[in-house]
Protein backbone atom coordinates (compact mmCIF):
# COMPACT_ATOMS: atom_id res chain seq x y z
CA MET A 1 -87.80 71.33 -0.59
CA PHE A 2 -84.75 73.58 -0.38
CA PRO A 3 -82.38 70.73 0.84
CA PHE A 4 -83.37 68.62 -2.14
CA VAL A 5 -82.76 71.38 -4.62
CA LEU A 6 -79.39 72.25 -2.94
CA GLY A 7 -78.41 68.51 -2.90
CA GLY A 8 -79.29 68.25 -6.74
CA ILE A 9 -77.27 71.43 -7.55
CA LEU A 10 -74.32 70.31 -5.46
CA GLY A 11 -74.54 66.86 -6.84
CA ASP A 12 -74.58 68.21 -10.40
CA ALA A 13 -71.67 70.54 -9.74
CA PHE A 14 -69.58 67.77 -8.18
CA GLY A 15 -70.53 65.48 -11.05
CA LYS A 16 -69.39 67.98 -13.59
CA LEU A 17 -66.20 68.68 -11.69
CA PHE A 18 -65.32 64.98 -11.49
CA ASP A 19 -66.08 64.58 -15.14
CA VAL A 20 -63.73 67.39 -15.98
CA ILE A 21 -61.01 65.79 -13.58
CA TRP A 22 -61.61 62.36 -15.22
CA SER A 23 -61.33 63.94 -18.68
CA GLY A 24 -58.05 65.55 -17.67
CA ILE A 25 -56.71 62.28 -16.29
CA LYS A 26 -57.68 60.55 -19.58
CA TRP A 27 -56.11 63.33 -21.58
CA ILE A 28 -52.85 62.96 -19.52
CA GLY A 29 -52.96 59.15 -20.06
CA ARG A 30 -53.32 59.54 -23.83
CA LEU A 31 -50.48 62.12 -23.80
CA LEU A 32 -48.16 59.69 -21.81
CA LYS A 33 -49.15 56.92 -24.16
CA LYS A 34 -48.14 58.97 -27.19
CA LEU A 35 -44.93 60.11 -25.60
CA PHE A 36 -43.77 56.70 -24.39
CA GLN A 37 -45.19 54.46 -27.23
CA GLY A 38 -41.97 54.88 -29.31
CA LEU A 39 -39.83 54.04 -26.37
CA VAL A 40 -41.92 50.94 -25.57
CA ASP A 41 -41.89 49.87 -29.20
CA LEU A 42 -38.09 50.37 -29.23
CA PHE A 43 -37.68 48.24 -26.08
CA ILE A 44 -40.01 45.53 -27.55
CA GLY A 45 -38.14 45.55 -30.79
CA PHE A 46 -34.76 45.25 -28.97
CA PHE A 47 -35.92 42.35 -26.86
CA GLU A 48 -37.42 40.57 -29.90
CA VAL A 49 -34.04 40.85 -31.61
CA ILE A 50 -32.32 39.45 -28.58
CA TYR A 51 -34.87 36.62 -28.33
CA ALA A 52 -34.44 35.79 -32.10
CA LEU A 53 -30.63 35.70 -31.69
CA ILE A 54 -30.90 33.35 -28.67
CA ASP A 55 -33.46 31.17 -30.48
CA GLY A 56 -31.19 31.02 -33.58
CA LEU A 57 -28.16 30.11 -31.41
CA LEU A 58 -30.00 27.31 -29.57
CA TYR A 59 -31.30 25.94 -32.82
CA PHE A 60 -27.75 25.97 -34.32
CA LEU A 61 -26.45 24.14 -31.21
CA TYR A 62 -29.37 21.62 -31.52
CA LYS A 63 -28.51 20.88 -35.21
CA ILE A 64 -24.77 20.54 -34.29
CA GLY A 65 -25.89 17.94 -31.65
CA VAL A 66 -27.96 16.14 -34.26
CA LEU A 67 -25.04 16.13 -36.75
CA ALA A 68 -22.69 14.81 -34.01
CA VAL A 69 -25.15 11.96 -33.12
CA LYS A 70 -25.45 10.98 -36.88
CA LEU A 71 -21.70 11.03 -37.27
CA PHE A 72 -21.20 8.97 -34.15
CA LEU A 73 -23.74 6.47 -35.37
CA LEU A 74 -22.11 6.40 -38.81
CA PHE A 75 -18.56 5.80 -37.31
CA PHE A 76 -20.04 3.27 -34.88
CA GLU A 77 -21.55 1.20 -37.63
CA LEU A 78 -18.32 1.48 -39.69
CA ALA A 79 -16.36 0.34 -36.71
CA LYS A 80 -18.80 -2.65 -36.28
CA MET A 81 -18.28 -3.63 -39.89
CA ILE A 82 -14.45 -3.35 -39.59
CA VAL A 83 -14.56 -5.46 -36.38
CA SER A 84 -16.71 -8.06 -37.97
CA LEU A 85 -14.28 -8.15 -40.96
CA PHE A 86 -11.28 -8.75 -38.69
CA VAL A 87 -13.33 -11.28 -36.63
CA GLY A 88 -14.22 -13.07 -39.84
CA PHE A 89 -10.53 -12.95 -40.89
CA ALA A 90 -9.52 -14.48 -37.64
CA LYS A 91 -12.27 -17.19 -37.71
CA THR A 92 -11.19 -17.91 -41.28
CA LEU A 93 -7.55 -18.35 -40.36
CA ALA A 94 -8.50 -20.35 -37.27
CA SER A 95 -10.74 -22.66 -39.34
CA LEU A 96 -8.11 -23.45 -41.93
CA VAL A 97 -7.42 -26.71 -40.04
CA TYR A 98 -10.61 -28.69 -39.80
CA VAL A 99 -10.67 -31.47 -37.27
CA PRO A 100 -13.82 -33.66 -37.68
CA ARG A 101 -15.33 -34.28 -34.31
CA GLY A 102 -18.64 -35.72 -33.04
CA GLY A 103 -21.39 -33.38 -33.55
CA SER A 104 -24.46 -32.51 -31.61
CA GLY A 105 -26.45 -35.48 -32.71
CA ASN A 106 -26.96 -34.91 -36.50
CA GLY A 107 -25.63 -37.34 -38.92
CA TYR A 108 -23.77 -34.93 -41.08
CA SER A 109 -20.79 -34.43 -38.75
CA GLU A 110 -20.33 -38.11 -38.41
CA MET A 111 -20.59 -38.59 -42.14
CA LEU A 112 -18.14 -35.75 -42.82
CA GLY A 113 -15.71 -37.35 -40.38
CA LYS A 114 -15.83 -40.59 -42.24
CA ILE A 115 -15.33 -38.78 -45.55
CA PHE A 116 -12.22 -36.97 -44.19
CA THR A 117 -10.83 -40.19 -42.75
CA ALA A 118 -11.36 -41.94 -46.09
CA MET A 119 -9.73 -39.03 -48.06
CA GLN A 120 -6.63 -38.93 -45.82
CA PRO A 121 -4.47 -40.96 -48.26
CA LEU A 122 -5.29 -38.68 -51.08
CA LYS A 123 -3.41 -35.70 -49.29
CA LEU A 124 -5.91 -33.03 -50.37
CA GLU A 125 -5.23 -30.83 -47.31
CA PRO A 126 -2.73 -28.50 -49.14
CA ILE A 127 -5.32 -28.06 -52.07
CA ALA A 128 -7.97 -27.28 -49.50
CA TYR A 129 -5.87 -24.82 -47.70
CA ILE A 130 -5.10 -23.12 -51.06
CA LEU A 131 -8.82 -23.01 -52.04
CA LEU A 132 -9.77 -21.81 -48.59
CA PHE A 133 -7.14 -18.93 -48.80
CA ILE A 134 -8.34 -17.97 -52.33
CA LEU A 135 -11.95 -17.93 -51.13
CA TRP A 136 -10.95 -15.76 -48.19
CA MET A 137 -9.00 -13.36 -50.44
CA PHE A 138 -11.98 -12.98 -52.81
CA THR A 139 -14.19 -12.26 -49.77
CA ALA A 140 -11.67 -9.81 -48.38
CA VAL A 141 -11.39 -7.88 -51.67
CA ALA A 142 -15.14 -7.74 -52.04
CA ALA A 143 -15.54 -6.50 -48.50
CA ILE A 144 -12.79 -3.87 -49.12
CA LYS A 145 -14.48 -2.74 -52.37
CA LEU A 146 -17.82 -2.56 -50.39
CA LEU A 147 -16.14 -0.45 -47.80
CA SER A 148 -14.47 1.83 -50.18
CA SER A 149 -17.66 2.43 -52.20
CA ILE A 150 -19.39 3.84 -49.13
CA ARG A 151 -18.89 7.52 -49.67
CA VAL A 152 -20.98 10.50 -50.64
CA GLY A 153 -22.87 9.56 -53.77
CA GLY A 154 -21.62 6.03 -54.14
CA GLU A 155 -19.99 5.09 -57.38
């Protein structure tokens, strides 16, 4: 019976000793937490500010890229309109002389050829050239007005 009593007393003594040691370790842990919590909060705040600055800079660069793409598309479409205006001008100048020729099988080209042949003695070509030029000028002025009205807010 004596060994069981001695084991119980020693077990209780070591149990209380380890409880005291564990309480001391927990107390030291809480003390270190209180001492270093301000420093940890300072580091976390510093890195949050750095992260926010990097995030803002990358968002700014992204928006600059979006603006650059939009401006590129705007200038690309404007260039396409100007090129089509010059191509139309060149085609208009090239088509001032109409030579009737056989078509691709419809009766209109043949009929127009006959009309032009019948109207040759009337010498209407100069009037047709003048009318074509006036038509082209009105088209060009309308296109220039359209291009000049494309600005912020319109007219």
